[in-house]
């Protein structure tokens, strides 16, 4: 199983709005692409002075699924996120392989 992990640090003043938007709009749109089997949202509990940090994990089984996602969907979905929360977050993405 592969995991597309998106780690997001969001300003505390935008955290509740961001989390609600992620659950109600963004994550359902990502899952609707058909590239991922399921997802998890995890809150990083290590103290960070700059905001709240979350790990968004999207699970997939075929290596090609992430290629399809990146080529066909990622840019549009990431731009929607940027448009809504510009200058209120920092994000980085990693691909993980479950052993």
C-alpha atoms as a PDB file:
ATOM      1  CA  UNK A   1       0.000   0.000   0.000  1.00  0.00           C
ATOM      2  CA  UNK A   2       1.253   3.464  -0.889  1.00  0.00           C
ATOM      3  CA  UNK A   3       0.422   6.678   0.927  1.00  0.00           C
ATOM      4  CA  UNK A   4       0.386  10.142  -0.594  1.00  0.00           C
ATOM      5  CA  UNK A   5       1.072  12.248   2.492  1.00  0.00           C
ATOM      6  CA  UNK A   6       0.388  15.973   2.545  1.00  0.00           C
ATOM      7  CA  UNK A   7       1.649  17.763   5.637  1.00  0.00           C
ATOM      8  CA  UNK A   8       0.038  21.153   6.183  1.00  0.00           C
ATOM      9  CA  UNK A   9       0.821  23.780   8.790  1.00  0.00           C
ATOM     10  CA  UNK A  10      -2.131  26.160   8.962  1.00  0.00           C
ATOM     11  CA  UNK A  11      -2.364  29.453  10.867  1.00  0.00           C
ATOM     12  CA  UNK A  12      -4.281  29.016  14.105  1.00  0.00           C
ATOM     13  CA  UNK A  13      -6.786  31.727  13.127  1.00  0.00           C
ATOM     14  CA  UNK A  14      -7.738  29.730  10.012  1.00  0.00           C
ATOM     15  CA  UNK A  15      -7.542  26.222  11.498  1.00  0.00           C
ATOM     16  CA  UNK A  16     -11.244  25.567  12.137  1.00  0.00           C
ATOM     17  CA  UNK A  17     -12.362  26.957   8.770  1.00  0.00           C
ATOM     18  CA  UNK A  18      -9.588  25.026   7.005  1.00  0.00           C
ATOM     19  CA  UNK A  19     -10.388  21.723   8.741  1.00  0.00           C
ATOM     20  CA  UNK A  20     -14.108  22.055   7.996  1.00  0.00           C
ATOM     21  CA  UNK A  21     -13.368  22.891   4.346  1.00  0.00           C
ATOM     22  CA  UNK A  22     -10.940  19.981   4.042  1.00  0.00           C
ATOM     23  CA  UNK A  23     -13.527  17.521   5.410  1.00  0.00           C
ATOM     24  CA  UNK A  24     -16.529  18.860   3.504  1.00  0.00           C
ATOM     25  CA  UNK A  25     -15.021  19.852   0.153  1.00  0.00           C
ATOM     26  CA  UNK A  26     -11.361  19.231  -0.565  1.00  0.00           C
ATOM     27  CA  UNK A  27     -10.901  15.652   0.634  1.00  0.00           C
ATOM     28  CA  UNK A  28     -14.154  14.455  -0.985  1.00  0.00           C
ATOM     29  CA  UNK A  29     -12.940  16.001  -4.267  1.00  0.00           C
ATOM     30  CA  UNK A  30      -9.580  14.234  -3.963  1.00  0.00           C
ATOM     31  CA  UNK A  31     -11.258  10.881  -3.237  1.00  0.00           C
ATOM     32  CA  UNK A  32     -13.715  11.447  -6.123  1.00  0.00           C
ATOM     33  CA  UNK A  33     -10.786  11.370  -8.578  1.00  0.00           C
ATOM     34  CA  UNK A  34     -10.783   7.596  -8.145  1.00  0.00           C
ATOM     35  CA  UNK A  35      -7.030   7.570  -7.536  1.00  0.00           C
ATOM     36  CA  UNK A  36      -7.217   6.774  -3.818  1.00  0.00           C
ATOM     37  CA  UNK A  37      -8.953   4.017  -1.860  1.00  0.00           C
ATOM     38  CA  UNK A  38      -9.383   5.968   1.379  1.00  0.00           C
ATOM     39  CA  UNK A  39      -7.810   8.653   3.516  1.00  0.00           C
ATOM     40  CA  UNK A  40      -6.935   9.659   7.065  1.00  0.00           C
ATOM     41  CA  UNK A  41      -6.506  13.025   8.745  1.00  0.00           C
ATOM     42  CA  UNK A  42      -4.014  13.157  11.584  1.00  0.00           C
ATOM     43  CA  UNK A  43      -3.145  16.122  13.762  1.00  0.00           C
ATOM     44  CA  UNK A  44       0.517  16.514  14.641  1.00  0.00           C
ATOM     45  CA  UNK A  45       0.605  16.961  18.396  1.00  0.00           C
ATOM     46  CA  UNK A  46       4.200  18.131  18.687  1.00  0.00           C
ATOM     47  CA  UNK A  47       4.031  21.763  19.734  1.00  0.00           C
ATOM     48  CA  UNK A  48       4.570  24.248  16.938  1.00  0.00           C
ATOM     49  CA  UNK A  49       4.470  27.987  17.642  1.00  0.00           C
ATOM     50  CA  UNK A  50       3.426  29.012  14.148  1.00  0.00           C
ATOM     51  CA  UNK A  51       0.164  27.128  13.764  1.00  0.00           C
ATOM     52  CA  UNK A  52      -1.555  23.753  13.739  1.00  0.00           C
ATOM     53  CA  UNK A  53      -0.034  20.946  11.692  1.00  0.00           C
ATOM     54  CA  UNK A  54      -1.905  18.090  10.034  1.00  0.00           C
ATOM     55  CA  UNK A  55      -0.951  15.027   8.052  1.00  0.00           C
ATOM     56  CA  UNK A  56      -3.441  14.193   5.312  1.00  0.00           C
ATOM     57  CA  UNK A  57      -2.912  10.637   4.120  1.00  0.00           C
ATOM     58  CA  UNK A  58      -4.376   9.266   0.907  1.00  0.00           C
ATOM     59  CA  UNK A  59      -3.972   5.508   0.373  1.00  0.00           C
ATOM     60  CA  UNK A  60      -3.537   3.797  -2.994  1.00  0.00           C
ATOM     61  CA  UNK A  61      -2.362   0.389  -4.221  1.00  0.00           C
ATOM     62  CA  UNK A  62      -1.115   0.900  -7.764  1.00  0.00           C
ATOM     63  CA  UNK A  63       1.976   3.026  -8.431  1.00  0.00           C
ATOM     64  CA  UNK A  64       0.249   4.451 -11.498  1.00  0.00           C
ATOM     65  CA  UNK A  65      -2.570   5.939  -9.380  1.00  0.00           C
ATOM     66  CA  UNK A  66      -0.346   8.762  -8.141  1.00  0.00           C
ATOM     67  CA  UNK A  67       0.847   9.449 -11.691  1.00  0.00           C
ATOM     68  CA  UNK A  68      -2.752   9.783 -12.868  1.00  0.00           C
ATOM     69  CA  UNK A  69      -3.571  12.027  -9.900  1.00  0.00           C
ATOM     70  CA  UNK A  70      -0.592  14.309 -10.463  1.00  0.00           C
ATOM     71  CA  UNK A  71      -1.088  14.554 -14.226  1.00  0.00           C
ATOM     72  CA  UNK A  72      -4.847  15.075 -14.214  1.00  0.00           C
ATOM     73  CA  UNK A  73      -6.033  16.461 -10.887  1.00  0.00           C
ATOM     74  CA  UNK A  74      -3.344  17.736  -8.504  1.00  0.00           C
ATOM     75  CA  UNK A  75      -2.729  21.183  -9.988  1.00  0.00           C
ATOM     76  CA  UNK A  76      -6.405  22.154 -10.031  1.00  0.00           C
ATOM     77  CA  UNK A  77      -7.121  20.881  -6.520  1.00  0.00           C
ATOM     78  CA  UNK A  78      -3.967  22.459  -5.089  1.00  0.00           C
ATOM     79  CA  UNK A  79      -4.848  25.783  -6.724  1.00  0.00           C
ATOM     80  CA  UNK A  80      -8.305  25.747  -5.102  1.00  0.00           C
ATOM     81  CA  UNK A  81      -6.589  25.251  -1.745  1.00  0.00           C
ATOM     82  CA  UNK A  82      -4.171  28.101  -2.434  1.00  0.00           C
ATOM     83  CA  UNK A  83      -6.964  30.424  -3.567  1.00  0.00           C
ATOM     84  CA  UNK A  84      -8.921  29.801  -0.365  1.00  0.00           C
ATOM     85  CA  UNK A  85      -6.065  29.869   2.179  1.00  0.00           C
ATOM     86  CA  UNK A  86      -3.347  31.938   0.507  1.00  0.00           C
ATOM     87  CA  UNK A  87      -0.592  33.072   2.906  1.00  0.00           C
ATOM     88  CA  UNK A  88      -2.157  31.060   5.761  1.00  0.00           C
ATOM     89  CA  UNK A  89      -0.423  27.712   5.276  1.00  0.00           C
ATOM     90  CA  UNK A  90       2.715  25.853   4.320  1.00  0.00           C
ATOM     91  CA  UNK A  91       2.538  22.376   2.803  1.00  0.00           C
ATOM     92  CA  UNK A  92       4.829  19.637   1.607  1.00  0.00           C
ATOM     93  CA  UNK A  93       4.101  16.299   0.021  1.00  0.00           C
ATOM     94  CA  UNK A  94       5.721  12.881   0.319  1.00  0.00           C
ATOM     95  CA  UNK A  95       5.078   9.420  -1.060  1.00  0.00           C
ATOM     96  CA  UNK A  96       5.303   6.600   1.478  1.00  0.00           C
ATOM     97  CA  UNK A  97       5.369   2.833   1.024  1.00  0.00           C
ATOM     98  CA  UNK A  98       3.859   0.693   3.747  1.00  0.00           C
ATOM     99  CA  UNK A  99       6.238  -2.139   4.661  1.00  0.00           C
END
